[in-house]
Amino acid sequence: MFTSLIDWILNYPKRFIFFILLITL
């Protein structure tokens, strides 16, 4: 459960940061 939560927290911002990088570049 805890590892699942960490996985979700790390996985979601990864896409969000990638999207921001695409916009800024």
C-alpha atoms as a PDB file:
ATOM      1  CA  MET A   1       0.000   0.000   0.000  1.00  0.00           C
ATOM      2  CA  PHE A   2       2.746   2.438   0.959  1.00  0.00           C
ATOM      3  CA  THR A   3       4.881   1.487  -2.033  1.00  0.00           C
ATOM      4  CA  SER A   4       1.822   1.893  -4.248  1.00  0.00           C
ATOM      5  CA  LEU A   5       1.351   5.404  -2.904  1.00  0.00           C
ATOM      6  CA  ILE A   6       5.001   6.291  -3.585  1.00  0.00           C
ATOM      7  CA  ASP A   7       4.706   4.849  -7.083  1.00  0.00           C
ATOM      8  CA  TRP A   8       1.650   7.009  -7.786  1.00  0.00           C
ATOM      9  CA  ILE A   9       3.328  10.145  -6.375  1.00  0.00           C
ATOM     10  CA  LEU A  10       6.472   9.567  -8.454  1.00  0.00           C
ATOM     11  CA  ASN A  11       4.653   8.520 -11.601  1.00  0.00           C
ATOM     12  CA  TYR A  12       2.125  11.345 -11.831  1.00  0.00           C
ATOM     13  CA  PRO A  13       4.498  14.370 -11.501  1.00  0.00           C
ATOM     14  CA  LYS A  14       6.827  12.712 -14.007  1.00  0.00           C
ATOM     15  CA  ARG A  15       4.230  13.192 -16.763  1.00  0.00           C
ATOM     16  CA  PHE A  16       3.381  16.650 -15.448  1.00  0.00           C
ATOM     17  CA  ILE A  17       7.025  17.816 -15.477  1.00  0.00           C
ATOM     18  CA  PHE A  18       7.492  16.349 -18.960  1.00  0.00           C
ATOM     19  CA  PHE A  19       4.445  18.296 -20.175  1.00  0.00           C
ATOM     20  CA  ILE A  20       5.814  21.541 -18.678  1.00  0.00           C
ATOM     21  CA  LEU A  21       9.192  20.933 -20.340  1.00  0.00           C
ATOM     22  CA  LEU A  22       7.509  20.484 -23.716  1.00  0.00           C
ATOM     23  CA  ILE A  23       5.664  23.790 -23.302  1.00  0.00           C
ATOM     24  CA  THR A  24       8.715  25.743 -22.115  1.00  0.00           C
ATOM     25  CA  LEU A  25      10.901  24.360 -24.932  1.00  0.00           C
END
